[in-house]
Every structure is written in structure tokens, then in C-alpha cells.
Amino acid sequence: VKAANVTEVEAAVKRVFAALQQEQPKGIRYTSCRLS
């Protein structure tokens, strides 16, 4: 992503992961990371 969009992407990833945690769908595992 463009450096100017990192904050927006971080926030969006947190929202998606929070929604997954709330829904707790069975049979999935997920992770995400930002590289160095």
C-alpha cells in the first residue's frame, strides 16, 4: 500500500478482525501482519 494509506489500512484490518471475532465462524483461522 502507499505509505499515506497505512493508518487507514491498519484501521480496516482491525475492523475486519473484530467482526470475525464477533461472528466466530467455525473452521477458520486467520492472521495478518505488516512486513518490516
PDB file of all heavy atoms in Angstrom:
ATOM      1  N   VAL A   1       0.840  -1.192   0.000  1.00  0.00           N
ATOM      2  CA  VAL A   1       0.000   0.000   0.000  1.00  0.00           C
ATOM      3  C   VAL A   1       0.878   1.245   0.000  1.00  0.00           C
ATOM      4  O   VAL A   1       2.067   1.191   0.330  1.00  0.00           O
ATOM      5  CB  VAL A   1      -0.957   0.020   1.210  1.00  0.00           C
ATOM      6  CG1 VAL A   1      -1.847  -1.210   1.217  1.00  0.00           C
ATOM      7  CG2 VAL A   1      -0.203   0.139   2.512  1.00  0.00           C
ATOM      8  N   LYS A   2       0.295   2.348  -0.364  1.00  0.00           N
ATOM      9  CA  LYS A   2       1.018   3.611  -0.295  1.00  0.00           C
ATOM     10  C   LYS A   2       1.221   3.969   1.171  1.00  0.00           C
ATOM     11  O   LYS A   2       0.342   3.747   2.008  1.00  0.00           O
ATOM     12  CB  LYS A   2       0.231   4.712  -0.992  1.00  0.00           C
ATOM     13  CG  LYS A   2       0.105   4.493  -2.479  1.00  0.00           C
ATOM     14  CD  LYS A   2      -0.691   5.602  -3.115  1.00  0.00           C
ATOM     15  CE  LYS A   2      -0.845   5.331  -4.602  1.00  0.00           C
ATOM     16  NZ  LYS A   2      -1.663   6.349  -5.255  1.00  0.00           N
ATOM     17  N   ALA A   3       2.368   4.532   1.480  1.00  0.00           N
ATOM     18  CA  ALA A   3       2.686   4.892   2.868  1.00  0.00           C
ATOM     19  C   ALA A   3       1.613   5.795   3.472  1.00  0.00           C
ATOM     20  O   ALA A   3       1.294   5.680   4.658  1.00  0.00           O
ATOM     21  CB  ALA A   3       4.056   5.562   2.938  1.00  0.00           C
ATOM     22  N   ALA A   4       1.016   6.644   2.665  1.00  0.00           N
ATOM     23  CA  ALA A   4      -0.024   7.551   3.156  1.00  0.00           C
ATOM     24  C   ALA A   4      -1.287   6.814   3.574  1.00  0.00           C
ATOM     25  O   ALA A   4      -2.114   7.364   4.305  1.00  0.00           O
ATOM     26  CB  ALA A   4      -0.357   8.580   2.081  1.00  0.00           C
ATOM     27  N   ASN A   5      -1.444   5.563   3.143  1.00  0.00           N
ATOM     28  CA  ASN A   5      -2.663   4.794   3.439  1.00  0.00           C
ATOM     29  C   ASN A   5      -2.491   3.783   4.574  1.00  0.00           C
ATOM     30  O   ASN A   5      -3.440   3.073   4.905  1.00  0.00           O
ATOM     31  CB  ASN A   5      -3.138   4.063   2.190  1.00  0.00           C
ATOM     32  CG  ASN A   5      -3.556   5.001   1.098  1.00  0.00           C
ATOM     33  OD1 ASN A   5      -3.913   6.154   1.342  1.00  0.00           O
ATOM     34  ND2 ASN A   5      -3.511   4.532  -0.137  1.00  0.00           N
ATOM     35  N   VAL A   6      -1.312   3.702   5.164  1.00  0.00           N
ATOM     36  CA  VAL A   6      -1.044   2.689   6.189  1.00  0.00           C
ATOM     37  C   VAL A   6      -2.015   2.804   7.371  1.00  0.00           C
ATOM     38  O   VAL A   6      -2.570   1.798   7.823  1.00  0.00           O
ATOM     39  CB  VAL A   6       0.426   2.758   6.660  1.00  0.00           C
ATOM     40  CG1 VAL A   6       0.642   1.940   7.923  1.00  0.00           C
ATOM     41  CG2 VAL A   6       1.348   2.263   5.555  1.00  0.00           C
ATOM     42  N   THR A   7      -2.252   3.996   7.862  1.00  0.00           N
ATOM     43  CA  THR A   7      -3.153   4.171   9.008  1.00  0.00           C
ATOM     44  C   THR A   7      -4.555   3.687   8.660  1.00  0.00           C
ATOM     45  O   THR A   7      -5.204   3.000   9.464  1.00  0.00           O
ATOM     46  CB  THR A   7      -3.186   5.649   9.443  1.00  0.00           C
ATOM     47  OG1 THR A   7      -1.858   6.044   9.781  1.00  0.00           O
ATOM     48  CG2 THR A   7      -4.103   5.856  10.628  1.00  0.00           C
ATOM     49  N   GLU A   8      -5.024   4.016   7.471  1.00  0.00           N
ATOM     50  CA  GLU A   8      -6.355   3.595   7.019  1.00  0.00           C
ATOM     51  C   GLU A   8      -6.425   2.072   6.894  1.00  0.00           C
ATOM     52  O   GLU A   8      -7.413   1.451   7.308  1.00  0.00           O
ATOM     53  CB  GLU A   8      -6.657   4.253   5.681  1.00  0.00           C
ATOM     54  CG  GLU A   8      -7.999   3.907   5.102  1.00  0.00           C
ATOM     55  CD  GLU A   8      -8.213   4.550   3.734  1.00  0.00           C
ATOM     56  OE1 GLU A   8      -7.532   5.537   3.405  1.00  0.00           O
ATOM     57  OE2 GLU A   8      -9.076   4.039   3.002  1.00  0.00           O
ATOM     58  N   VAL A   9      -5.396   1.468   6.339  1.00  0.00           N
ATOM     59  CA  VAL A   9      -5.370   0.006   6.174  1.00  0.00           C
ATOM     60  C   VAL A   9      -5.339  -0.674   7.535  1.00  0.00           C
ATOM     61  O   VAL A   9      -6.062  -1.651   7.768  1.00  0.00           O
ATOM     62  CB  VAL A   9      -4.174  -0.420   5.296  1.00  0.00           C
ATOM     63  CG1 VAL A   9      -3.983  -1.930   5.329  1.00  0.00           C
ATOM     64  CG2 VAL A   9      -4.369   0.056   3.865  1.00  0.00           C
ATOM     65  N   GLU A  10      -4.513  -0.175   8.446  1.00  0.00           N
ATOM     66  CA  GLU A  10      -4.450  -0.754   9.790  1.00  0.00           C
ATOM     67  C   GLU A  10      -5.821  -0.729  10.461  1.00  0.00           C
ATOM     68  O   GLU A  10      -6.246  -1.715  11.073  1.00  0.00           O
ATOM     69  CB  GLU A  10      -3.448   0.014  10.656  1.00  0.00           C
ATOM     70  CG  GLU A  10      -2.004  -0.234  10.294  1.00  0.00           C
ATOM     71  CD  GLU A  10      -1.493  -1.590  10.719  1.00  0.00           C
ATOM     72  OE1 GLU A  10      -1.893  -2.088  11.787  1.00  0.00           O
ATOM     73  OE2 GLU A  10      -0.688  -2.159   9.966  1.00  0.00           O
ATOM     74  N   ALA A  11      -6.515   0.380  10.352  1.00  0.00           N
ATOM     75  CA  ALA A  11      -7.845   0.502  10.961  1.00  0.00           C
ATOM     76  C   ALA A  11      -8.830  -0.468  10.320  1.00  0.00           C
ATOM     77  O   ALA A  11      -9.633  -1.105  11.008  1.00  0.00           O
ATOM     78  CB  ALA A  11      -8.351   1.935  10.843  1.00  0.00           C
ATOM     79  N   ALA A  12      -8.765  -0.596   9.002  1.00  0.00           N
ATOM     80  CA  ALA A  12      -9.679  -1.501   8.299  1.00  0.00           C
ATOM     81  C   ALA A  12      -9.419  -2.952   8.678  1.00  0.00           C
ATOM     82  O   ALA A  12     -10.359  -3.730   8.885  1.00  0.00           O
ATOM     83  CB  ALA A  12      -9.548  -1.312   6.790  1.00  0.00           C
ATOM     84  N   VAL A  13      -8.159  -3.334   8.778  1.00  0.00           N
ATOM     85  CA  VAL A  13      -7.815  -4.705   9.181  1.00  0.00           C
ATOM     86  C   VAL A  13      -8.354  -4.981  10.581  1.00  0.00           C
ATOM     87  O   VAL A  13      -8.934  -6.044  10.834  1.00  0.00           O
ATOM     88  CB  VAL A  13      -6.287  -4.942   9.113  1.00  0.00           C
ATOM     89  CG1 VAL A  13      -5.897  -6.239   9.799  1.00  0.00           C
ATOM     90  CG2 VAL A  13      -5.817  -4.939   7.665  1.00  0.00           C
ATOM     91  N   LYS A  14      -8.198  -4.026  11.482  1.00  0.00           N
ATOM     92  CA  LYS A  14      -8.719  -4.208  12.845  1.00  0.00           C
ATOM     93  C   LYS A  14     -10.233  -4.378  12.842  1.00  0.00           C
ATOM     94  O   LYS A  14     -10.769  -5.194  13.590  1.00  0.00           O
ATOM     95  CB  LYS A  14      -8.314  -3.026  13.722  1.00  0.00           C
ATOM     96  CG  LYS A  14      -6.852  -3.049  14.095  1.00  0.00           C
ATOM     97  CD  LYS A  14      -6.475  -1.871  14.957  1.00  0.00           C
ATOM     98  CE  LYS A  14      -4.983  -1.900  15.259  1.00  0.00           C
ATOM     99  NZ  LYS A  14      -4.546  -0.778  16.066  1.00  0.00           N
ATOM    100  N   ARG A  15     -10.936  -3.629  11.991  1.00  0.00           N
ATOM    101  CA  ARG A  15     -12.403  -3.762  11.916  1.00  0.00           C
ATOM    102  C   ARG A  15     -12.802  -5.144  11.389  1.00  0.00           C
ATOM    103  O   ARG A  15     -13.736  -5.770  11.900  1.00  0.00           O
ATOM    104  CB  ARG A  15     -12.998  -2.666  11.041  1.00  0.00           C
ATOM    105  CG  ARG A  15     -13.010  -1.298  11.695  1.00  0.00           C
ATOM    106  CD  ARG A  15     -13.850  -0.296  10.924  1.00  0.00           C
ATOM    107  NE  ARG A  15     -13.379  -0.068   9.564  1.00  0.00           N
ATOM    108  CZ  ARG A  15     -12.462   0.841   9.215  1.00  0.00           C
ATOM    109  NH1 ARG A  15     -11.902   1.609  10.145  1.00  0.00           N
ATOM    110  NH2 ARG A  15     -12.121   0.990   7.962  1.00  0.00           N
ATOM    111  N   VAL A  16     -12.103  -5.623  10.370  1.00  0.00           N
ATOM    112  CA  VAL A  16     -12.410  -6.952   9.811  1.00  0.00           C
ATOM    113  C   VAL A  16     -12.149  -8.026  10.862  1.00  0.00           C
ATOM    114  O   VAL A  16     -12.986  -8.914  11.068  1.00  0.00           O
ATOM    115  CB  VAL A  16     -11.604  -7.212   8.521  1.00  0.00           C
ATOM    116  CG1 VAL A  16     -11.736  -8.667   8.086  1.00  0.00           C
ATOM    117  CG2 VAL A  16     -12.056  -6.279   7.405  1.00  0.00           C
ATOM    118  N   PHE A  17     -11.003  -7.956  11.538  1.00  0.00           N
ATOM    119  CA  PHE A  17     -10.696  -8.966  12.544  1.00  0.00           C
ATOM    120  C   PHE A  17     -11.669  -8.905  13.716  1.00  0.00           C
ATOM    121  O   PHE A  17     -12.047  -9.940  14.258  1.00  0.00           O
ATOM    122  CB  PHE A  17      -9.251  -8.821  13.017  1.00  0.00           C
ATOM    123  CG  PHE A  17      -8.248  -9.487  12.110  1.00  0.00           C
ATOM    124  CD1 PHE A  17      -8.400  -9.496  10.732  1.00  0.00           C
ATOM    125  CD2 PHE A  17      -7.143 -10.103  12.630  1.00  0.00           C
ATOM    126  CE1 PHE A  17      -7.490 -10.114   9.908  1.00  0.00           C
ATOM    127  CE2 PHE A  17      -6.204 -10.731  11.816  1.00  0.00           C
ATOM    128  CZ  PHE A  17      -6.382 -10.731  10.448  1.00  0.00           C
ATOM    129  N   ALA A  18     -12.096  -7.712  14.102  1.00  0.00           N
ATOM    130  CA  ALA A  18     -13.084  -7.582  15.179  1.00  0.00           C
ATOM    131  C   ALA A  18     -14.408  -8.213  14.755  1.00  0.00           C
ATOM    132  O   ALA A  18     -15.063  -8.889  15.560  1.00  0.00           O
ATOM    133  CB  ALA A  18     -13.281  -6.122  15.542  1.00  0.00           C
ATOM    134  N   ALA A  19     -14.803  -8.018  13.498  1.00  0.00           N
ATOM    135  CA  ALA A  19     -16.048  -8.613  13.002  1.00  0.00           C
ATOM    136  C   ALA A  19     -15.942 -10.133  12.985  1.00  0.00           C
ATOM    137  O   ALA A  19     -16.889 -10.832  13.354  1.00  0.00           O
ATOM    138  CB  ALA A  19     -16.369  -8.078  11.607  1.00  0.00           C
ATOM    139  N   LEU A  20     -14.785 -10.656  12.572  1.00  0.00           N
ATOM    140  CA  LEU A  20     -14.588 -12.111  12.587  1.00  0.00           C
ATOM    141  C   LEU A  20     -14.642 -12.644  14.018  1.00  0.00           C
ATOM    142  O   LEU A  20     -15.254 -13.686  14.274  1.00  0.00           O
ATOM    143  CB  LEU A  20     -13.247 -12.477  11.951  1.00  0.00           C
ATOM    144  CG  LEU A  20     -13.205 -12.487  10.437  1.00  0.00           C
ATOM    145  CD1 LEU A  20     -11.768 -12.614   9.949  1.00  0.00           C
ATOM    146  CD2 LEU A  20     -14.066 -13.600   9.870  1.00  0.00           C
ATOM    147  N   GLN A  21     -14.043 -11.926  14.928  1.00  0.00           N
ATOM    148  CA  GLN A  21     -14.057 -12.364  16.325  1.00  0.00           C
ATOM    149  C   GLN A  21     -15.479 -12.348  16.883  1.00  0.00           C
ATOM    150  O   GLN A  21     -15.872 -13.235  17.639  1.00  0.00           O
ATOM    151  CB  GLN A  21     -13.145 -11.477  17.160  1.00  0.00           C
ATOM    152  CG  GLN A  21     -12.920 -11.997  18.550  1.00  0.00           C
ATOM    153  CD  GLN A  21     -11.832 -11.221  19.273  1.00  0.00           C
ATOM    154  OE1 GLN A  21     -11.603 -10.048  19.008  1.00  0.00           O
ATOM    155  NE2 GLN A  21     -11.155 -11.877  20.189  1.00  0.00           N
ATOM    156  N   GLN A  22     -16.262 -11.353  16.496  1.00  0.00           N
ATOM    157  CA  GLN A  22     -17.643 -11.271  16.958  1.00  0.00           C
ATOM    158  C   GLN A  22     -18.481 -12.402  16.370  1.00  0.00           C
ATOM    159  O   GLN A  22     -19.284 -13.017  17.066  1.00  0.00           O
ATOM    160  CB  GLN A  22     -18.243  -9.932  16.578  1.00  0.00           C
ATOM    161  CG  GLN A  22     -19.664  -9.763  17.061  1.00  0.00           C
ATOM    162  CD  GLN A  22     -20.227  -8.391  16.717  1.00  0.00           C
ATOM    163  OE1 GLN A  22     -19.495  -7.466  16.413  1.00  0.00           O
ATOM    164  NE2 GLN A  22     -21.529  -8.283  16.751  1.00  0.00           N
ATOM    165  N   GLU A  23     -18.295 -12.674  15.071  1.00  0.00           N
ATOM    166  CA  GLU A  23     -19.079 -13.720  14.407  1.00  0.00           C
ATOM    167  C   GLU A  23     -18.629 -15.118  14.812  1.00  0.00           C
ATOM    168  O   GLU A  23     -19.431 -16.043  14.817  1.00  0.00           O
ATOM    169  CB  GLU A  23     -18.959 -13.579  12.882  1.00  0.00           C
ATOM    170  CG  GLU A  23     -19.591 -12.326  12.328  1.00  0.00           C
ATOM    171  CD  GLU A  23     -21.101 -12.344  12.425  1.00  0.00           C
ATOM    172  OE1 GLU A  23     -21.714 -13.406  12.214  1.00  0.00           O
ATOM    173  OE2 GLU A  23     -21.658 -11.274  12.717  1.00  0.00           O
ATOM    174  N   GLN A  24     -17.364 -15.287  15.092  1.00  0.00           N
ATOM    175  CA  GLN A  24     -16.760 -16.566  15.449  1.00  0.00           C
ATOM    176  C   GLN A  24     -17.155 -17.709  14.513  1.00  0.00           C
ATOM    177  O   GLN A  24     -17.674 -18.737  14.949  1.00  0.00           O
ATOM    178  CB  GLN A  24     -17.097 -16.925  16.896  1.00  0.00           C
ATOM    179  CG  GLN A  24     -16.519 -15.961  17.888  1.00  0.00           C
ATOM    180  CD  GLN A  24     -16.735 -16.399  19.322  1.00  0.00           C
ATOM    181  OE1 GLN A  24     -17.405 -17.379  19.623  1.00  0.00           O
ATOM    182  NE2 GLN A  24     -16.148 -15.658  20.232  1.00  0.00           N
ATOM    183  N   PRO A  25     -16.915 -17.533  13.216  1.00  0.00           N
ATOM    184  CA  PRO A  25     -17.238 -18.627  12.291  1.00  0.00           C
ATOM    185  C   PRO A  25     -16.370 -19.851  12.588  1.00  0.00           C
ATOM    186  O   PRO A  25     -15.193 -19.728  12.931  1.00  0.00           O
ATOM    187  CB  PRO A  25     -16.925 -18.036  10.918  1.00  0.00           C
ATOM    188  CG  PRO A  25     -15.995 -16.909  11.170  1.00  0.00           C
ATOM    189  CD  PRO A  25     -16.289 -16.410  12.549  1.00  0.00           C
ATOM    190  N   LYS A  26     -16.967 -21.005  12.492  1.00  0.00           N
ATOM    191  CA  LYS A  26     -16.263 -22.256  12.775  1.00  0.00           C
ATOM    192  C   LYS A  26     -15.415 -22.667  11.568  1.00  0.00           C
ATOM    193  O   LYS A  26     -15.759 -22.413  10.423  1.00  0.00           O
ATOM    194  CB  LYS A  26     -17.264 -23.374  13.092  1.00  0.00           C
ATOM    195  CG  LYS A  26     -18.173 -23.062  14.266  1.00  0.00           C
ATOM    196  CD  LYS A  26     -17.402 -23.063  15.560  1.00  0.00           C
ATOM    197  CE  LYS A  26     -18.366 -22.869  16.719  1.00  0.00           C
ATOM    198  NZ  LYS A  26     -17.818 -22.164  17.814  1.00  0.00           N
ATOM    199  N   GLY A  27     -14.305 -23.321  11.858  1.00  0.00           N
ATOM    200  CA  GLY A  27     -13.488 -23.916  10.809  1.00  0.00           C
ATOM    201  C   GLY A  27     -12.575 -22.957  10.075  1.00  0.00           C
ATOM    202  O   GLY A  27     -12.145 -23.258   8.965  1.00  0.00           O
ATOM    203  N   ILE A  28     -12.275 -21.816  10.687  1.00  0.00           N
ATOM    204  CA  ILE A  28     -11.343 -20.899  10.042  1.00  0.00           C
ATOM    205  C   ILE A  28     -10.264 -20.463  11.031  1.00  0.00           C
ATOM    206  O   ILE A  28     -10.453 -20.486  12.236  1.00  0.00           O
ATOM    207  CB  ILE A  28     -12.033 -19.646   9.464  1.00  0.00           C
ATOM    208  CG1 ILE A  28     -12.459 -18.680  10.567  1.00  0.00           C
ATOM    209  CG2 ILE A  28     -13.197 -20.006   8.568  1.00  0.00           C
ATOM    210  CD1 ILE A  28     -12.753 -17.292  10.059  1.00  0.00           C
ATOM    211  N   ARG A  29      -9.138 -20.106  10.471  1.00  0.00           N
ATOM    212  CA  ARG A  29      -8.055 -19.496  11.216  1.00  0.00           C
ATOM    213  C   ARG A  29      -7.534 -18.365  10.342  1.00  0.00           C
ATOM    214  O   ARG A  29      -7.500 -18.478   9.126  1.00  0.00           O
ATOM    215  CB  ARG A  29      -6.951 -20.514  11.515  1.00  0.00           C
ATOM    216  CG  ARG A  29      -7.347 -21.444  12.657  1.00  0.00           C
ATOM    217  CD  ARG A  29      -6.658 -22.782  12.604  1.00  0.00           C
ATOM    218  NE  ARG A  29      -6.913 -23.595  11.433  1.00  0.00           N
ATOM    219  CZ  ARG A  29      -8.038 -24.273  11.184  1.00  0.00           C
ATOM    220  NH1 ARG A  29      -9.060 -24.186  11.986  1.00  0.00           N
ATOM    221  NH2 ARG A  29      -8.158 -25.008  10.114  1.00  0.00           N
ATOM    222  N   TYR A  30      -7.125 -17.272  10.968  1.00  0.00           N
ATOM    223  CA  TYR A  30      -6.713 -16.114  10.185  1.00  0.00           C
ATOM    224  C   TYR A  30      -5.665 -15.308  10.931  1.00  0.00           C
ATOM    225  O   TYR A  30      -5.592 -15.345  12.161  1.00  0.00           O
ATOM    226  CB  TYR A  30      -7.916 -15.225   9.867  1.00  0.00           C
ATOM    227  CG  TYR A  30      -8.728 -14.843  11.080  1.00  0.00           C
ATOM    228  CD1 TYR A  30      -8.447 -13.698  11.797  1.00  0.00           C
ATOM    229  CD2 TYR A  30      -9.769 -15.654  11.528  1.00  0.00           C
ATOM    230  CE1 TYR A  30      -9.185 -13.355  12.926  1.00  0.00           C
ATOM    231  CE2 TYR A  30     -10.505 -15.324  12.649  1.00  0.00           C
ATOM    232  CZ  TYR A  30     -10.200 -14.171  13.341  1.00  0.00           C
ATOM    233  OH  TYR A  30     -10.916 -13.842  14.461  1.00  0.00           O
ATOM    234  N   THR A  31      -4.846 -14.635  10.163  1.00  0.00           N
ATOM    235  CA  THR A  31      -3.841 -13.743  10.721  1.00  0.00           C
ATOM    236  C   THR A  31      -3.431 -12.751   9.648  1.00  0.00           C
ATOM    237  O   THR A  31      -3.667 -12.974   8.460  1.00  0.00           O
ATOM    238  CB  THR A  31      -2.617 -14.513  11.264  1.00  0.00           C
ATOM    239  OG1 THR A  31      -1.809 -13.630  12.028  1.00  0.00           O
ATOM    240  CG2 THR A  31      -1.810 -15.133  10.149  1.00  0.00           C
ATOM    241  N   SER A  32      -2.822 -11.685  10.097  1.00  0.00           N
ATOM    242  CA  SER A  32      -2.320 -10.663   9.187  1.00  0.00           C
ATOM    243  C   SER A  32      -1.120 -10.008   9.835  1.00  0.00           C
ATOM    244  O   SER A  32      -1.051  -9.909  11.060  1.00  0.00           O
ATOM    245  CB  SER A  32      -3.408  -9.620   8.913  1.00  0.00           C
ATOM    246  OG  SER A  32      -2.901  -8.568   8.122  1.00  0.00           O
ATOM    247  N   CYS A  33      -0.183  -9.561   9.020  1.00  0.00           N
ATOM    248  CA  CYS A  33       0.953  -8.829   9.565  1.00  0.00           C
ATOM    249  C   CYS A  33       1.459  -7.823   8.537  1.00  0.00           C
ATOM    250  O   CYS A  33       1.258  -7.990   7.337  1.00  0.00           O
ATOM    251  CB  CYS A  33       2.069  -9.759  10.005  1.00  0.00           C
ATOM    252  SG  CYS A  33       2.866 -10.637   8.661  1.00  0.00           S
ATOM    253  N   ARG A  34       2.074  -6.793   9.058  1.00  0.00           N
ATOM    254  CA  ARG A  34       2.728  -5.794   8.210  1.00  0.00           C
ATOM    255  C   ARG A  34       4.206  -6.133   8.219  1.00  0.00           C
ATOM    256  O   ARG A  34       4.800  -6.330   9.283  1.00  0.00           O
ATOM    257  CB  ARG A  34       2.475  -4.390   8.746  1.00  0.00           C
ATOM    258  CG  ARG A  34       3.064  -3.317   7.869  1.00  0.00           C
ATOM    259  CD  ARG A  34       2.620  -1.933   8.228  1.00  0.00           C
ATOM    260  NE  ARG A  34       2.639  -1.687   9.662  1.00  0.00           N
ATOM    261  CZ  ARG A  34       2.720  -0.487  10.204  1.00  0.00           C
ATOM    262  NH1 ARG A  34       2.767   0.584   9.438  1.00  0.00           N
ATOM    263  NH2 ARG A  34       2.729  -0.343  11.497  1.00  0.00           N
ATOM    264  N   LEU A  35       4.814  -6.182   7.052  1.00  0.00           N
ATOM    265  CA  LEU A  35       6.223  -6.532   6.955  1.00  0.00           C
ATOM    266  C   LEU A  35       7.109  -5.357   7.360  1.00  0.00           C
ATOM    267  O   LEU A  35       6.642  -4.227   7.529  1.00  0.00           O
ATOM    268  CB  LEU A  35       6.546  -6.999   5.537  1.00  0.00           C
ATOM    269  CG  LEU A  35       5.762  -8.228   5.057  1.00  0.00           C
ATOM    270  CD1 LEU A  35       6.239  -8.663   3.677  1.00  0.00           C
ATOM    271  CD2 LEU A  35       5.851  -9.383   6.037  1.00  0.00           C
ATOM    272  N   SER A  36       8.373  -5.630   7.502  1.00  0.00           N
ATOM    273  CA  SER A  36       9.309  -4.639   8.031  1.00  0.00           C
ATOM    274  C   SER A  36       9.470  -3.401   7.155  1.00  0.00           C
ATOM    275  O   SER A  36       9.926  -2.368   7.642  1.00  0.00           O
ATOM    276  CB  SER A  36      10.679  -5.279   8.273  1.00  0.00           C
ATOM    277  OG  SER A  36      11.209  -5.772   7.055  1.00  0.00           O
TER     278      SER A  36
END
